[in-house]
Each structure stands twice: as C-alpha cells, then as structure tokens.
Amino acid sequence: MISPRDAAKKNDELHAEQFAAAEKAIDRALSQDYSTGHSVTVCSSRIKVPYQLRSKLINRYRQAGWDVKHTLDQGDGDFYTFKA
C-alpha cells in the first residue's frame, strides 16, 4: 500500500520534466517582460504543468519573492500573474 507522501513523491518524479520546462518558460517570460512595478502575465498554455503541481510551482516563485496569482478564465483562458 502506498502512503500519501510516497504517492506525492512518485507524482513529482513522474512530472519532473514538465515542471522543469514550466519553470524555464516562466523564467524566460519574467526576464523578458518584467520591469519594476509592473506585473507579468503568462498564459497557462505556455506552462504545461499538471494541476496537481500548480501549487508547488506557485509556492516556489512565492519563496523567490514573487506575488503569484493563478486565474481560471473560461473566456480568455487561464493565466498566471507575477508581480514583485
């Protein structure tokens, strides 16, 4: 029987490559589009990370000093907003 902790670890391992690609896409967008006092919006389509790992991704950027908001919008599409 698998414990919740082991299940989460296996899920992380399974999606590690997607997670790394998502971080790379976010880092690229931030380094290209950020200027002091302004936010950067990144479409979820550029960040292909499973919903199970969204909170982990958001928390990593929050720990790095970003205020991150994930918005679900059926009309315009989902997006992340990053602000320092």
C-alpha atoms as a PDB file:
ATOM      1  CA  MET A   1       0.000   0.000   0.000  1.00  0.00           C
ATOM      2  CA  ILE A   2       1.296   3.448  -0.909  1.00  0.00           C
ATOM      3  CA  SER A   3       1.231   6.298   1.584  1.00  0.00           C
ATOM      4  CA  PRO A   4       0.118   9.828   0.647  1.00  0.00           C
ATOM      5  CA  ARG A   5       3.725  11.007   0.990  1.00  0.00           C
ATOM      6  CA  ASP A   6       5.010   8.279  -1.345  1.00  0.00           C
ATOM      7  CA  ALA A   7       2.220   8.985  -3.842  1.00  0.00           C
ATOM      8  CA  ALA A   8       3.134  12.688  -3.910  1.00  0.00           C
ATOM      9  CA  LYS A   9       6.813  11.835  -4.376  1.00  0.00           C
ATOM     10  CA  LYS A  10       6.065   9.497  -7.283  1.00  0.00           C
ATOM     11  CA  ASN A  11       3.821  12.148  -8.842  1.00  0.00           C
ATOM     12  CA  ASP A  12       6.641  14.704  -8.583  1.00  0.00           C
ATOM     13  CA  GLU A  13       9.083  12.272 -10.195  1.00  0.00           C
ATOM     14  CA  LEU A  14       6.621  11.473 -12.963  1.00  0.00           C
ATOM     15  CA  HIS A  15       6.161  15.147 -13.858  1.00  0.00           C
ATOM     16  CA  ALA A  16       9.685  16.441 -13.136  1.00  0.00           C
ATOM     17  CA  GLU A  17      10.459  17.144 -16.793  1.00  0.00           C
ATOM     18  CA  GLN A  18       7.207  19.072 -17.315  1.00  0.00           C
ATOM     19  CA  PHE A  19       7.847  21.002 -14.106  1.00  0.00           C
ATOM     20  CA  ALA A  20      11.346  21.996 -15.214  1.00  0.00           C
ATOM     21  CA  ALA A  21      10.025  23.098 -18.620  1.00  0.00           C
ATOM     22  CA  ALA A  22       7.326  25.182 -16.935  1.00  0.00           C
ATOM     23  CA  GLU A  23       9.912  26.922 -14.744  1.00  0.00           C
ATOM     24  CA  LYS A  24      12.050  27.613 -17.790  1.00  0.00           C
ATOM     25  CA  ALA A  25       9.077  29.154 -19.654  1.00  0.00           C
ATOM     26  CA  ILE A  26       8.176  31.329 -16.651  1.00  0.00           C
ATOM     27  CA  ASP A  27      11.776  32.426 -16.117  1.00  0.00           C
ATOM     28  CA  ARG A  28      12.046  33.369 -19.789  1.00  0.00           C
ATOM     29  CA  ALA A  29       8.822  35.402 -19.656  1.00  0.00           C
ATOM     30  CA  LEU A  30       9.871  37.152 -16.450  1.00  0.00           C
ATOM     31  CA  SER A  31      13.345  38.016 -17.706  1.00  0.00           C
ATOM     32  CA  GLN A  32      11.949  39.357 -20.995  1.00  0.00           C
ATOM     33  CA  ASP A  33       8.857  41.202 -19.752  1.00  0.00           C
ATOM     34  CA  TYR A  34       9.402  42.285 -16.143  1.00  0.00           C
ATOM     35  CA  SER A  35      10.085  45.856 -15.166  1.00  0.00           C
ATOM     36  CA  THR A  36       9.889  47.270 -11.633  1.00  0.00           C
ATOM     37  CA  GLY A  37       6.361  47.997 -10.515  1.00  0.00           C
ATOM     38  CA  HIS A  38       4.676  46.116 -13.338  1.00  0.00           C
ATOM     39  CA  SER A  39       3.240  42.641 -13.419  1.00  0.00           C
ATOM     40  CA  VAL A  40       3.896  39.926 -15.967  1.00  0.00           C
ATOM     41  CA  THR A  41       1.098  37.733 -17.266  1.00  0.00           C
ATOM     42  CA  VAL A  42       1.930  34.253 -18.508  1.00  0.00           C
ATOM     43  CA  CYS A  43      -0.726  32.157 -20.257  1.00  0.00           C
ATOM     44  CA  SER A  44      -1.239  28.699 -18.838  1.00  0.00           C
ATOM     45  CA  SER A  45      -0.766  27.293 -22.328  1.00  0.00           C
ATOM     46  CA  ARG A  46       2.940  28.257 -22.014  1.00  0.00           C
ATOM     47  CA  ILE A  47       3.152  26.465 -18.674  1.00  0.00           C
ATOM     48  CA  LYS A  48       2.216  22.856 -19.236  1.00  0.00           C
ATOM     49  CA  VAL A  49       2.139  21.583 -15.681  1.00  0.00           C
ATOM     50  CA  PRO A  50      -0.490  19.179 -14.281  1.00  0.00           C
ATOM     51  CA  TYR A  51      -2.968  20.702 -11.864  1.00  0.00           C
ATOM     52  CA  GLN A  52      -1.512  18.584  -9.043  1.00  0.00           C
ATOM     53  CA  LEU A  53       1.755  20.534  -9.277  1.00  0.00           C
ATOM     54  CA  ARG A  54       0.322  24.059  -9.702  1.00  0.00           C
ATOM     55  CA  SER A  55       0.536  24.900  -6.006  1.00  0.00           C
ATOM     56  CA  LYS A  56       4.136  23.629  -5.850  1.00  0.00           C
ATOM     57  CA  LEU A  57       5.063  25.822  -8.824  1.00  0.00           C
ATOM     58  CA  ILE A  58       3.336  28.866  -7.352  1.00  0.00           C
ATOM     59  CA  ASN A  59       4.947  28.308  -3.954  1.00  0.00           C
ATOM     60  CA  ARG A  60       8.447  28.119  -5.482  1.00  0.00           C
ATOM     61  CA  TYR A  61       8.007  31.528  -7.099  1.00  0.00           C
ATOM     62  CA  ARG A  62       6.484  32.986  -3.935  1.00  0.00           C
ATOM     63  CA  GLN A  63       9.524  31.788  -1.998  1.00  0.00           C
ATOM     64  CA  ALA A  64      11.709  33.550  -4.573  1.00  0.00           C
ATOM     65  CA  GLY A  65       9.906  36.841  -3.846  1.00  0.00           C
ATOM     66  CA  TRP A  66       7.125  36.921  -6.427  1.00  0.00           C
ATOM     67  CA  ASP A  67       3.452  37.553  -5.728  1.00  0.00           C
ATOM     68  CA  VAL A  68       1.796  34.937  -7.938  1.00  0.00           C
ATOM     69  CA  LYS A  69      -1.868  34.663  -8.813  1.00  0.00           C
ATOM     70  CA  HIS A  70      -3.400  31.911 -10.950  1.00  0.00           C
ATOM     71  CA  THR A  71      -6.625  32.940 -12.675  1.00  0.00           C
ATOM     72  CA  LEU A  72      -9.089  30.498 -14.213  1.00  0.00           C
ATOM     73  CA  ASP A  73     -10.978  32.186 -17.040  1.00  0.00           C
ATOM     74  CA  GLN A  74     -13.112  30.209 -19.471  1.00  0.00           C
ATOM     75  CA  GLY A  75     -13.400  33.158 -21.842  1.00  0.00           C
ATOM     76  CA  ASP A  76      -9.824  34.404 -22.061  1.00  0.00           C
ATOM     77  CA  GLY A  77      -8.051  31.255 -20.912  1.00  0.00           C
ATOM     78  CA  ASP A  78      -6.170  30.554 -17.704  1.00  0.00           C
ATOM     79  CA  PHE A  79      -3.147  32.639 -16.815  1.00  0.00           C
ATOM     80  CA  TYR A  80      -0.621  33.391 -14.098  1.00  0.00           C
ATOM     81  CA  THR A  81       0.199  36.911 -12.944  1.00  0.00           C
ATOM     82  CA  PHE A  82       3.622  37.590 -11.415  1.00  0.00           C
ATOM     83  CA  LYS A  83       4.401  40.781  -9.514  1.00  0.00           C
ATOM     84  CA  ALA A  84       7.325  41.661  -7.274  1.00  0.00           C
END
